[in-house]
Amino acid sequence: MASNNLGRSVLAMLVVTVTAGVMGTGSGAATAWAAPGSAGDPVSPSAGTIKAGTSIGTVGDPLQGDTLYKGKIATTSTDAWYQLYKAAGSGTATIHFKDTTVAGSATCPDIAIHVDNADGTDGNVDSTSLGDNDAVTFSVTTAGQYYIELDSYNCGTGNAGATYSIEPEPSSEWTAAPVPSGGRGSRGRAVPGRS
């Protein structure tokens, strides 16, 4: 009887040890991983190169899915603007925001996040504020153009220094700008369907 109980204890320890090595947690959700270097490893997103615009009129190319974009809010009067296009006829997309500011390293570590509809001013889809090392994920189900505005939150004037990251997911849900139905493109070339 004693050897049977010992066998059960060893088996229980083995199960706990194996489970602890296979299951990881991130933001409170369990994620399963296989052994390091195997096909089951989570894939890290690509590093994004699109820089923030200083206003809605100066945004760069649309952010793409499965890409991690990083930036910094230099002053309390500086805004960081981006744009995205949610694909039509597809599922739910997400935008993960993180205030990556190291505690105590910035004069104003908090950021405000606004996700706006296509006109960028009159259709706030979602918004929140984050303190240093906080994160939030917004879900987007409706196809179309969206703008992201990040700025300092609850600060006086002067230097800010907050750093952040933006990660749209998955890659199939976030696309390049839609192709116009006709007319002339931005470089003066004819667009199919119009002369």
N, C-alpha and C. Protein backbone atom coordinates (compact mmCIF):
# COMPACT_ATOMS: atom_id res chain seq x y z
N MET A 1 0.82 -1.20 0.00
CA MET A 1 0.00 0.00 0.00
C MET A 1 0.86 1.26 0.00
N ALA A 2 1.94 1.26 0.78
CA ALA A 2 2.83 2.42 0.86
C ALA A 2 3.49 2.68 -0.48
N SER A 3 3.90 1.64 -1.21
CA SER A 3 4.55 1.85 -2.50
C SER A 3 3.54 2.38 -3.52
N ASN A 4 2.27 2.00 -3.40
CA ASN A 4 1.24 2.50 -4.31
C ASN A 4 1.03 4.00 -4.12
N ASN A 5 1.00 4.45 -2.85
CA ASN A 5 0.85 5.88 -2.57
C ASN A 5 2.09 6.66 -3.03
N LEU A 6 3.27 6.06 -2.87
CA LEU A 6 4.49 6.71 -3.33
C LEU A 6 4.46 6.86 -4.85
N GLY A 7 3.99 5.84 -5.54
CA GLY A 7 3.88 5.90 -7.00
C GLY A 7 2.93 7.00 -7.44
N ARG A 8 1.81 7.14 -6.74
CA ARG A 8 0.86 8.21 -7.07
C ARG A 8 1.47 9.58 -6.83
N SER A 9 2.23 9.75 -5.76
CA SER A 9 2.86 11.03 -5.46
C SER A 9 3.89 11.39 -6.53
N VAL A 10 4.69 10.40 -6.95
CA VAL A 10 5.69 10.66 -7.98
C VAL A 10 5.00 11.02 -9.29
N LEU A 11 3.92 10.31 -9.63
CA LEU A 11 3.17 10.60 -10.85
C LEU A 11 2.58 12.01 -10.78
N ALA A 12 2.03 12.41 -9.64
CA ALA A 12 1.45 13.74 -9.49
C ALA A 12 2.53 14.81 -9.66
N MET A 13 3.73 14.59 -9.08
CA MET A 13 4.82 15.55 -9.23
C MET A 13 5.26 15.64 -10.69
N LEU A 14 5.30 14.52 -11.37
CA LEU A 14 5.69 14.50 -12.78
C LEU A 14 4.69 15.28 -13.62
N VAL A 15 3.39 15.08 -13.39
CA VAL A 15 2.37 15.79 -14.14
C VAL A 15 2.48 17.30 -13.89
N VAL A 16 2.67 17.72 -12.66
CA VAL A 16 2.79 19.14 -12.34
C VAL A 16 4.03 19.72 -13.00
N THR A 17 5.15 19.02 -12.96
CA THR A 17 6.39 19.50 -13.56
C THR A 17 6.25 19.64 -15.07
N VAL A 18 5.69 18.65 -15.73
CA VAL A 18 5.52 18.69 -17.18
C VAL A 18 4.55 19.80 -17.56
N THR A 19 3.44 19.91 -16.83
CA THR A 19 2.45 20.94 -17.14
C THR A 19 3.06 22.33 -16.98
N ALA A 20 3.84 22.53 -15.93
CA ALA A 20 4.45 23.84 -15.72
C ALA A 20 5.41 24.18 -16.84
N GLY A 21 6.06 23.21 -17.44
CA GLY A 21 6.98 23.45 -18.53
C GLY A 21 6.28 23.68 -19.86
N VAL A 22 5.03 23.24 -19.99
CA VAL A 22 4.32 23.34 -21.26
C VAL A 22 3.39 24.54 -21.29
N MET A 23 2.82 24.90 -20.18
CA MET A 23 1.85 25.99 -20.15
C MET A 23 2.53 27.27 -19.68
N GLY A 24 2.30 28.32 -20.41
CA GLY A 24 2.80 29.63 -19.99
C GLY A 24 1.62 30.56 -19.85
N THR A 25 1.81 31.66 -19.19
CA THR A 25 0.72 32.62 -19.08
C THR A 25 1.17 33.96 -19.60
N GLY A 26 0.25 34.67 -20.18
CA GLY A 26 0.51 36.01 -20.66
C GLY A 26 -0.76 36.82 -20.49
N SER A 27 -0.70 37.88 -19.73
CA SER A 27 -1.85 38.73 -19.44
C SER A 27 -3.02 37.93 -18.88
N GLY A 28 -2.73 36.93 -18.08
CA GLY A 28 -3.77 36.17 -17.42
C GLY A 28 -4.37 35.05 -18.24
N ALA A 29 -4.00 34.91 -19.49
CA ALA A 29 -4.55 33.84 -20.32
C ALA A 29 -3.50 32.77 -20.51
N ALA A 30 -3.90 31.51 -20.44
CA ALA A 30 -2.97 30.41 -20.61
C ALA A 30 -2.68 30.20 -22.09
N THR A 31 -1.42 30.00 -22.41
CA THR A 31 -1.00 29.73 -23.77
C THR A 31 -0.13 28.49 -23.74
N ALA A 32 -0.40 27.53 -24.60
CA ALA A 32 0.38 26.30 -24.63
C ALA A 32 1.57 26.47 -25.56
N TRP A 33 2.73 26.01 -25.11
CA TRP A 33 3.93 26.02 -25.93
C TRP A 33 4.54 24.63 -25.92
N ALA A 34 5.20 24.29 -26.99
CA ALA A 34 5.95 23.04 -27.04
C ALA A 34 7.37 23.34 -26.60
N ALA A 35 8.24 22.36 -26.68
CA ALA A 35 9.62 22.54 -26.27
C ALA A 35 10.26 23.67 -27.08
N PRO A 36 11.19 24.44 -26.48
CA PRO A 36 11.82 25.53 -27.19
C PRO A 36 12.43 25.07 -28.51
N GLY A 37 12.25 25.92 -29.54
CA GLY A 37 12.83 25.62 -30.84
C GLY A 37 12.00 24.69 -31.70
N SER A 38 10.82 24.32 -31.22
CA SER A 38 10.00 23.41 -32.00
C SER A 38 8.97 24.18 -32.81
N ALA A 39 8.23 23.48 -33.64
CA ALA A 39 7.22 24.10 -34.50
C ALA A 39 6.08 24.72 -33.69
N GLY A 40 5.91 24.36 -32.42
CA GLY A 40 4.82 24.88 -31.62
C GLY A 40 5.14 26.17 -30.90
N ASP A 41 6.37 26.70 -31.05
CA ASP A 41 6.72 27.96 -30.39
C ASP A 41 5.87 29.10 -30.92
N PRO A 42 5.45 30.03 -30.02
CA PRO A 42 4.74 31.20 -30.50
C PRO A 42 5.68 32.01 -31.40
N VAL A 43 5.14 32.55 -32.47
CA VAL A 43 5.94 33.33 -33.40
C VAL A 43 5.92 34.78 -32.96
N SER A 44 7.09 35.36 -32.84
CA SER A 44 7.17 36.77 -32.48
C SER A 44 6.76 37.61 -33.68
N PRO A 45 6.05 38.71 -33.42
CA PRO A 45 5.68 39.59 -34.54
C PRO A 45 6.92 40.25 -35.14
N SER A 46 6.79 40.66 -36.38
CA SER A 46 7.86 41.41 -37.06
C SER A 46 7.96 42.80 -36.43
N ALA A 47 9.12 43.40 -36.55
CA ALA A 47 9.31 44.77 -36.06
C ALA A 47 8.79 45.74 -37.12
N GLY A 48 7.89 46.62 -36.73
CA GLY A 48 7.33 47.59 -37.65
C GLY A 48 8.24 48.77 -37.88
N THR A 49 8.17 49.35 -39.07
CA THR A 49 9.02 50.49 -39.40
C THR A 49 8.21 51.77 -39.64
N ILE A 50 6.90 51.69 -39.59
CA ILE A 50 6.07 52.87 -39.83
C ILE A 50 6.14 53.78 -38.60
N LYS A 51 6.47 55.03 -38.85
CA LYS A 51 6.58 56.02 -37.77
C LYS A 51 5.25 56.75 -37.60
N ALA A 52 5.03 57.24 -36.41
CA ALA A 52 3.80 57.98 -36.12
C ALA A 52 3.79 59.32 -36.83
N GLY A 53 2.59 59.72 -37.25
CA GLY A 53 2.39 61.07 -37.74
C GLY A 53 2.11 61.97 -36.55
N THR A 54 2.22 63.28 -36.75
CA THR A 54 1.96 64.22 -35.65
C THR A 54 0.52 64.72 -35.65
N SER A 55 -0.24 64.35 -36.70
CA SER A 55 -1.66 64.70 -36.79
C SER A 55 -2.34 63.71 -37.71
N ILE A 56 -3.65 63.78 -37.81
CA ILE A 56 -4.38 62.88 -38.69
C ILE A 56 -3.97 63.09 -40.14
N GLY A 57 -3.53 64.29 -40.48
CA GLY A 57 -3.13 64.59 -41.85
C GLY A 57 -1.72 64.13 -42.20
N THR A 58 -0.97 63.64 -41.22
CA THR A 58 0.41 63.23 -41.49
C THR A 58 0.67 61.76 -41.17
N VAL A 59 -0.39 60.96 -41.10
CA VAL A 59 -0.18 59.54 -40.80
C VAL A 59 0.60 58.87 -41.93
N GLY A 60 1.33 57.83 -41.59
CA GLY A 60 2.07 57.07 -42.59
C GLY A 60 1.20 55.99 -43.19
N ASP A 61 1.85 55.00 -43.79
CA ASP A 61 1.14 53.86 -44.36
C ASP A 61 0.35 53.14 -43.27
N PRO A 62 -0.66 52.36 -43.66
CA PRO A 62 -1.44 51.62 -42.66
C PRO A 62 -0.58 50.59 -41.92
N LEU A 63 -0.84 50.46 -40.63
CA LEU A 63 -0.18 49.42 -39.83
C LEU A 63 -0.65 48.06 -40.33
N GLN A 64 0.22 47.08 -40.28
CA GLN A 64 -0.09 45.73 -40.74
C GLN A 64 -0.16 44.79 -39.54
N GLY A 65 -0.91 43.71 -39.71
CA GLY A 65 -1.05 42.72 -38.65
C GLY A 65 0.23 41.92 -38.46
N ASP A 66 0.32 41.27 -37.32
CA ASP A 66 1.47 40.46 -36.94
C ASP A 66 2.76 41.27 -36.98
N THR A 67 2.64 42.54 -36.61
CA THR A 67 3.78 43.45 -36.60
C THR A 67 3.72 44.29 -35.32
N LEU A 68 4.87 44.50 -34.70
CA LEU A 68 4.96 45.26 -33.46
C LEU A 68 5.58 46.62 -33.77
N TYR A 69 4.82 47.67 -33.50
CA TYR A 69 5.27 49.05 -33.74
C TYR A 69 5.59 49.69 -32.39
N LYS A 70 6.71 50.40 -32.30
CA LYS A 70 7.12 51.04 -31.06
C LYS A 70 7.29 52.53 -31.28
N GLY A 71 7.03 53.30 -30.23
CA GLY A 71 7.19 54.74 -30.34
C GLY A 71 7.34 55.39 -28.98
N LYS A 72 7.47 56.72 -29.01
CA LYS A 72 7.65 57.50 -27.78
C LYS A 72 6.89 58.80 -27.92
N ILE A 73 6.25 59.21 -26.86
CA ILE A 73 5.58 60.52 -26.81
C ILE A 73 6.55 61.46 -26.11
N ALA A 74 7.18 62.32 -26.91
CA ALA A 74 8.28 63.15 -26.41
C ALA A 74 7.83 64.25 -25.47
N THR A 75 6.74 64.94 -25.81
CA THR A 75 6.27 66.05 -24.98
C THR A 75 4.77 65.91 -24.72
N THR A 76 4.28 66.67 -23.78
CA THR A 76 2.85 66.60 -23.45
C THR A 76 1.98 67.23 -24.53
N SER A 77 2.59 67.95 -25.45
CA SER A 77 1.82 68.55 -26.54
C SER A 77 1.97 67.76 -27.85
N THR A 78 2.64 66.61 -27.80
CA THR A 78 2.86 65.77 -28.99
C THR A 78 1.83 64.66 -29.04
N ASP A 79 1.24 64.48 -30.22
CA ASP A 79 0.35 63.34 -30.47
C ASP A 79 1.06 62.37 -31.41
N ALA A 80 0.71 61.10 -31.32
CA ALA A 80 1.21 60.09 -32.24
C ALA A 80 -0.01 59.50 -32.96
N TRP A 81 -0.04 59.63 -34.29
CA TRP A 81 -1.18 59.17 -35.08
C TRP A 81 -0.76 58.05 -36.03
N TYR A 82 -1.64 57.05 -36.15
CA TYR A 82 -1.45 55.94 -37.07
C TYR A 82 -2.78 55.65 -37.75
N GLN A 83 -2.74 54.87 -38.83
CA GLN A 83 -3.97 54.41 -39.46
C GLN A 83 -3.89 52.91 -39.70
N LEU A 84 -5.08 52.29 -39.79
CA LEU A 84 -5.19 50.86 -40.10
C LEU A 84 -6.40 50.64 -40.99
N TYR A 85 -6.41 49.54 -41.71
CA TYR A 85 -7.57 49.13 -42.52
C TYR A 85 -7.96 47.72 -42.12
N LYS A 86 -9.17 47.57 -41.60
CA LYS A 86 -9.71 46.26 -41.24
C LYS A 86 -10.29 45.64 -42.50
N ALA A 87 -9.89 44.41 -42.81
CA ALA A 87 -10.34 43.72 -44.01
C ALA A 87 -11.84 43.45 -43.97
N ALA A 88 -12.47 43.51 -45.14
CA ALA A 88 -13.91 43.22 -45.26
C ALA A 88 -14.13 41.71 -45.31
N GLY A 89 -15.31 41.29 -44.87
CA GLY A 89 -15.70 39.89 -44.97
C GLY A 89 -14.84 38.94 -44.18
N SER A 90 -14.31 39.40 -43.08
CA SER A 90 -13.44 38.54 -42.28
C SER A 90 -13.87 38.60 -40.81
N GLY A 91 -13.12 37.97 -39.96
CA GLY A 91 -13.48 37.84 -38.55
C GLY A 91 -13.05 39.03 -37.70
N THR A 92 -12.89 38.76 -36.43
CA THR A 92 -12.52 39.78 -35.46
C THR A 92 -11.01 40.02 -35.49
N ALA A 93 -10.65 41.27 -35.46
CA ALA A 93 -9.25 41.67 -35.38
C ALA A 93 -9.01 42.31 -34.02
N THR A 94 -7.76 42.38 -33.61
CA THR A 94 -7.44 43.03 -32.34
C THR A 94 -6.29 44.01 -32.53
N ILE A 95 -6.24 44.97 -31.62
CA ILE A 95 -5.12 45.90 -31.54
C ILE A 95 -4.67 45.88 -30.08
N HIS A 96 -3.45 45.42 -29.85
CA HIS A 96 -2.91 45.33 -28.50
C HIS A 96 -2.00 46.55 -28.27
N PHE A 97 -2.30 47.31 -27.23
CA PHE A 97 -1.53 48.49 -26.86
C PHE A 97 -0.83 48.22 -25.54
N LYS A 98 0.40 48.68 -25.44
CA LYS A 98 1.12 48.55 -24.17
C LYS A 98 1.89 49.83 -23.90
N ASP A 99 1.77 50.35 -22.68
CA ASP A 99 2.61 51.45 -22.22
C ASP A 99 3.88 50.77 -21.72
N THR A 100 4.96 50.88 -22.48
CA THR A 100 6.20 50.17 -22.16
C THR A 100 7.16 50.99 -21.31
N THR A 101 6.66 52.11 -20.78
CA THR A 101 7.49 52.99 -19.96
C THR A 101 7.94 52.26 -18.69
N VAL A 102 9.23 52.28 -18.43
CA VAL A 102 9.77 51.71 -17.20
C VAL A 102 9.42 52.66 -16.05
N ALA A 103 8.88 52.11 -14.97
CA ALA A 103 8.46 52.93 -13.83
C ALA A 103 9.58 53.86 -13.38
N GLY A 104 9.24 55.14 -13.24
CA GLY A 104 10.20 56.14 -12.76
C GLY A 104 11.12 56.71 -13.83
N SER A 105 10.98 56.27 -15.08
CA SER A 105 11.91 56.73 -16.13
C SER A 105 11.39 57.90 -16.95
N ALA A 106 10.14 58.29 -16.76
CA ALA A 106 9.57 59.38 -17.57
C ALA A 106 8.84 60.37 -16.69
N THR A 107 8.88 61.62 -17.10
CA THR A 107 8.18 62.68 -16.38
C THR A 107 6.68 62.43 -16.39
N CYS A 108 6.16 61.98 -17.51
CA CYS A 108 4.74 61.67 -17.66
C CYS A 108 4.61 60.29 -18.29
N PRO A 109 4.50 59.25 -17.48
CA PRO A 109 4.50 57.89 -18.01
C PRO A 109 3.15 57.41 -18.54
N ASP A 110 2.09 58.16 -18.33
CA ASP A 110 0.75 57.70 -18.72
C ASP A 110 0.40 58.16 -20.13
N ILE A 111 -0.31 57.29 -20.86
CA ILE A 111 -0.74 57.64 -22.21
C ILE A 111 -2.24 57.43 -22.35
N ALA A 112 -2.83 58.23 -23.23
CA ALA A 112 -4.24 58.08 -23.59
C ALA A 112 -4.27 57.48 -24.99
N ILE A 113 -5.19 56.54 -25.20
CA ILE A 113 -5.32 55.85 -26.48
C ILE A 113 -6.74 56.08 -26.99
N HIS A 114 -6.84 56.49 -28.26
CA HIS A 114 -8.13 56.67 -28.91
C HIS A 114 -8.10 55.92 -30.24
N VAL A 115 -9.08 55.06 -30.47
CA VAL A 115 -9.25 54.42 -31.77
C VAL A 115 -10.50 55.04 -32.37
N ASP A 116 -10.31 55.73 -33.51
CA ASP A 116 -11.39 56.47 -34.15
C ASP A 116 -11.77 55.84 -35.48
N ASN A 117 -12.98 56.15 -35.93
CA ASN A 117 -13.45 55.65 -37.22
C ASN A 117 -12.79 56.43 -38.36
N ALA A 118 -13.29 56.25 -39.57
CA ALA A 118 -12.64 56.78 -40.77
C ALA A 118 -12.44 58.29 -40.79
N ASP A 119 -13.30 59.08 -40.14
CA ASP A 119 -13.06 60.52 -40.20
C ASP A 119 -12.09 60.97 -39.11
N GLY A 120 -11.79 60.09 -38.17
CA GLY A 120 -10.76 60.37 -37.18
C GLY A 120 -11.10 61.37 -36.11
N THR A 121 -12.30 61.96 -36.16
CA THR A 121 -12.62 62.97 -35.15
C THR A 121 -13.98 62.77 -34.52
N ASP A 122 -14.89 62.14 -35.22
CA ASP A 122 -16.27 62.11 -34.76
C ASP A 122 -16.79 60.71 -34.45
N GLY A 123 -15.94 59.75 -34.37
CA GLY A 123 -16.44 58.41 -34.16
C GLY A 123 -15.52 57.60 -33.30
N ASN A 124 -15.34 58.02 -32.05
CA ASN A 124 -14.46 57.29 -31.17
C ASN A 124 -14.99 55.88 -30.97
N VAL A 125 -14.24 54.89 -31.47
CA VAL A 125 -14.64 53.49 -31.37
C VAL A 125 -14.32 52.95 -29.98
N ASP A 126 -13.18 53.33 -29.46
CA ASP A 126 -12.77 52.89 -28.13
C ASP A 126 -11.67 53.81 -27.63
N SER A 127 -11.54 53.92 -26.33
CA SER A 127 -10.46 54.73 -25.76
C SER A 127 -10.20 54.29 -24.33
N THR A 128 -9.01 54.56 -23.87
CA THR A 128 -8.63 54.26 -22.50
C THR A 128 -7.34 54.99 -22.19
N SER A 129 -6.90 54.91 -20.97
CA SER A 129 -5.58 55.43 -20.60
C SER A 129 -4.81 54.29 -19.94
N LEU A 130 -3.48 54.36 -20.08
CA LEU A 130 -2.61 53.34 -19.50
C LEU A 130 -1.50 54.00 -18.70
N GLY A 131 -1.16 53.40 -17.58
CA GLY A 131 -0.01 53.80 -16.79
C GLY A 131 1.19 52.96 -17.21
N ASP A 132 2.35 53.28 -16.66
CA ASP A 132 3.54 52.53 -17.05
C ASP A 132 3.35 51.03 -16.84
N ASN A 133 3.77 50.28 -17.84
CA ASN A 133 3.70 48.82 -17.88
C ASN A 133 2.28 48.25 -17.92
N ASP A 134 1.29 49.07 -18.26
CA ASP A 134 -0.08 48.58 -18.44
C ASP A 134 -0.30 48.21 -19.91
N ALA A 135 -1.32 47.39 -20.15
CA ALA A 135 -1.65 46.98 -21.52
C ALA A 135 -3.15 46.81 -21.65
N VAL A 136 -3.63 46.92 -22.89
CA VAL A 136 -5.05 46.71 -23.19
C VAL A 136 -5.15 46.19 -24.62
N THR A 137 -6.19 45.43 -24.89
CA THR A 137 -6.46 44.93 -26.24
C THR A 137 -7.86 45.33 -26.64
N PHE A 138 -8.00 45.99 -27.80
CA PHE A 138 -9.29 46.35 -28.36
C PHE A 138 -9.64 45.36 -29.47
N SER A 139 -10.91 44.98 -29.55
CA SER A 139 -11.39 44.12 -30.63
C SER A 139 -12.11 44.97 -31.67
N VAL A 140 -11.91 44.63 -32.95
CA VAL A 140 -12.53 45.36 -34.06
C VAL A 140 -13.20 44.34 -34.96
N THR A 141 -14.50 44.53 -35.21
CA THR A 141 -15.24 43.59 -36.06
C THR A 141 -15.70 44.20 -37.38
N THR A 142 -15.83 45.51 -37.44
CA THR A 142 -16.36 46.18 -38.63
C THR A 142 -15.22 46.56 -39.57
N ALA A 143 -15.38 46.22 -40.85
CA ALA A 143 -14.37 46.55 -41.85
C ALA A 143 -14.29 48.05 -42.07
N GLY A 144 -13.11 48.53 -42.46
CA GLY A 144 -12.95 49.93 -42.80
C GLY A 144 -11.67 50.52 -42.25
N GLN A 145 -11.57 51.82 -42.42
CA GLN A 145 -10.40 52.56 -41.99
C GLN A 145 -10.56 53.01 -40.54
N TYR A 146 -9.47 52.94 -39.80
CA TYR A 146 -9.44 53.38 -38.41
C TYR A 146 -8.18 54.22 -38.19
N TYR A 147 -8.29 55.15 -37.25
CA TYR A 147 -7.14 55.95 -36.85
C TYR A 147 -6.86 55.69 -35.38
N ILE A 148 -5.59 55.72 -35.04
CA ILE A 148 -5.15 55.61 -33.64
C ILE A 148 -4.48 56.92 -33.27
N GLU A 149 -4.88 57.47 -32.13
CA GLU A 149 -4.23 58.67 -31.60
C GLU A 149 -3.74 58.36 -30.19
N LEU A 150 -2.46 58.59 -29.95
CA LEU A 150 -1.86 58.40 -28.63
C LEU A 150 -1.32 59.75 -28.17
N ASP A 151 -1.54 60.06 -26.90
CA ASP A 151 -0.98 61.29 -26.35
C ASP A 151 -0.77 61.13 -24.86
N SER A 152 -0.14 62.13 -24.26
CA SER A 152 0.10 62.10 -22.82
C SER A 152 -1.23 62.20 -22.09
N TYR A 153 -1.28 61.56 -20.93
CA TYR A 153 -2.53 61.56 -20.17
C TYR A 153 -2.28 62.10 -18.77
N ASN A 154 -3.13 63.05 -18.37
CA ASN A 154 -3.14 63.55 -17.00
C ASN A 154 -1.79 64.15 -16.59
N CYS A 155 -1.21 64.93 -17.49
CA CYS A 155 0.10 65.53 -17.24
C CYS A 155 0.01 67.04 -17.39
N GLY A 156 0.98 67.71 -16.84
CA GLY A 156 1.10 69.14 -17.04
C GLY A 156 1.71 69.39 -18.40
N THR A 157 2.49 70.43 -18.52
CA THR A 157 3.15 70.73 -19.79
C THR A 157 4.63 70.37 -19.68
N GLY A 158 5.24 70.16 -20.83
CA GLY A 158 6.67 69.86 -20.85
C GLY A 158 6.97 68.49 -21.41
N ASN A 159 8.05 67.92 -20.93
CA ASN A 159 8.49 66.61 -21.41
C ASN A 159 7.55 65.51 -20.92
N ALA A 160 7.39 64.50 -21.73
CA ALA A 160 6.56 63.36 -21.36
C ALA A 160 7.45 62.12 -21.21
N GLY A 161 7.89 61.58 -22.34
CA GLY A 161 8.82 60.46 -22.30
C GLY A 161 8.20 59.08 -22.26
N ALA A 162 6.88 58.99 -22.31
CA ALA A 162 6.23 57.68 -22.28
C ALA A 162 6.54 56.91 -23.56
N THR A 163 6.81 55.62 -23.42
CA THR A 163 7.04 54.75 -24.58
C THR A 163 5.88 53.77 -24.69
N TYR A 164 5.65 53.28 -25.91
CA TYR A 164 4.49 52.42 -26.13
C TYR A 164 4.78 51.42 -27.25
N SER A 165 3.90 50.43 -27.35
CA SER A 165 3.92 49.52 -28.49
C SER A 165 2.49 49.28 -28.94
N ILE A 166 2.34 49.02 -30.24
CA ILE A 166 1.05 48.72 -30.86
C ILE A 166 1.23 47.45 -31.66
N GLU A 167 0.33 46.49 -31.46
CA GLU A 167 0.43 45.22 -32.19
C GLU A 167 -0.94 44.82 -32.74
N PRO A 168 -1.21 45.11 -34.02
CA PRO A 168 -2.46 44.64 -34.64
C PRO A 168 -2.35 43.14 -34.94
N GLU A 169 -3.41 42.40 -34.73
CA GLU A 169 -3.43 40.95 -35.00
C GLU A 169 -4.79 40.54 -35.54
N PRO A 170 -4.90 39.48 -36.27
CA PRO A 170 -3.85 38.77 -36.97
C PRO A 170 -3.54 39.44 -38.30
N SER A 171 -2.55 38.95 -39.00
CA SER A 171 -2.12 39.60 -40.24
C SER A 171 -3.22 39.58 -41.30
N SER A 172 -4.06 38.56 -41.31
CA SER A 172 -5.11 38.46 -42.33
C SER A 172 -6.22 39.49 -42.16
N GLU A 173 -6.33 40.10 -40.99
CA GLU A 173 -7.40 41.06 -40.72
C GLU A 173 -7.03 42.51 -41.02
N TRP A 174 -5.76 42.81 -41.07
CA TRP A 174 -5.31 44.19 -41.30
C TRP A 174 -4.62 44.24 -42.65
N THR A 175 -5.12 45.09 -43.55
CA THR A 175 -4.64 45.13 -44.93
C THR A 175 -4.12 46.51 -45.29
N ALA A 176 -3.57 46.59 -46.50
CA ALA A 176 -3.17 47.89 -47.04
C ALA A 176 -4.43 48.68 -47.36
N ALA A 177 -4.26 49.92 -47.72
CA ALA A 177 -5.40 50.77 -48.06
C ALA A 177 -6.21 50.15 -49.19
N PRO A 178 -7.53 50.32 -49.15
CA PRO A 178 -8.35 49.76 -50.23
C PRO A 178 -8.03 50.43 -51.57
N VAL A 179 -8.16 49.67 -52.63
CA VAL A 179 -7.89 50.19 -53.97
C VAL A 179 -9.08 51.02 -54.41
N PRO A 180 -8.86 52.26 -54.89
CA PRO A 180 -9.98 53.09 -55.34
C PRO A 180 -10.70 52.43 -56.52
N SER A 181 -11.97 52.72 -56.67
CA SER A 181 -12.74 52.11 -57.74
C SER A 181 -12.48 52.76 -59.10
N GLY A 182 -11.82 53.87 -59.15
CA GLY A 182 -11.51 54.50 -60.43
C GLY A 182 -10.88 55.86 -60.25
N GLY A 183 -10.54 56.49 -61.35
CA GLY A 183 -9.92 57.81 -61.28
C GLY A 183 -8.42 57.71 -61.39
N ARG A 184 -7.72 58.67 -60.86
CA ARG A 184 -6.27 58.70 -60.92
C ARG A 184 -5.70 58.42 -59.54
N GLY A 185 -4.64 57.64 -59.49
CA GLY A 185 -3.97 57.32 -58.25
C GLY A 185 -3.16 58.49 -57.77
N SER A 186 -2.51 58.33 -56.65
CA SER A 186 -1.75 59.41 -56.04
C SER A 186 -0.55 59.83 -56.88
N ARG A 187 -0.08 58.97 -57.75
CA ARG A 187 1.06 59.33 -58.60
C ARG A 187 0.63 59.69 -60.02
N GLY A 188 -0.68 59.93 -60.23
CA GLY A 188 -1.17 60.37 -61.51
C GLY A 188 -1.45 59.24 -62.50
N ARG A 189 -1.27 57.99 -62.10
CA ARG A 189 -1.55 56.88 -62.98
C ARG A 189 -3.03 56.59 -63.01
N ALA A 190 -3.51 56.12 -64.15
CA ALA A 190 -4.93 55.78 -64.27
C ALA A 190 -5.23 54.56 -63.42
N VAL A 191 -6.39 54.59 -62.77
CA VAL A 191 -6.85 53.47 -61.97
C VAL A 191 -7.86 52.72 -62.83
N PRO A 192 -7.78 51.36 -62.87
CA PRO A 192 -8.71 50.61 -63.70
C PRO A 192 -10.17 50.99 -63.43
N GLY A 193 -10.95 51.08 -64.51
CA GLY A 193 -12.37 51.40 -64.35
C GLY A 193 -12.68 52.85 -64.65
N ARG A 194 -11.69 53.71 -64.68
CA ARG A 194 -11.89 55.14 -64.97
C ARG A 194 -10.79 55.60 -65.91
N SER A 195 -11.08 56.61 -66.67
CA SER A 195 -10.05 57.14 -67.57
C SER A 195 -9.52 58.45 -67.09
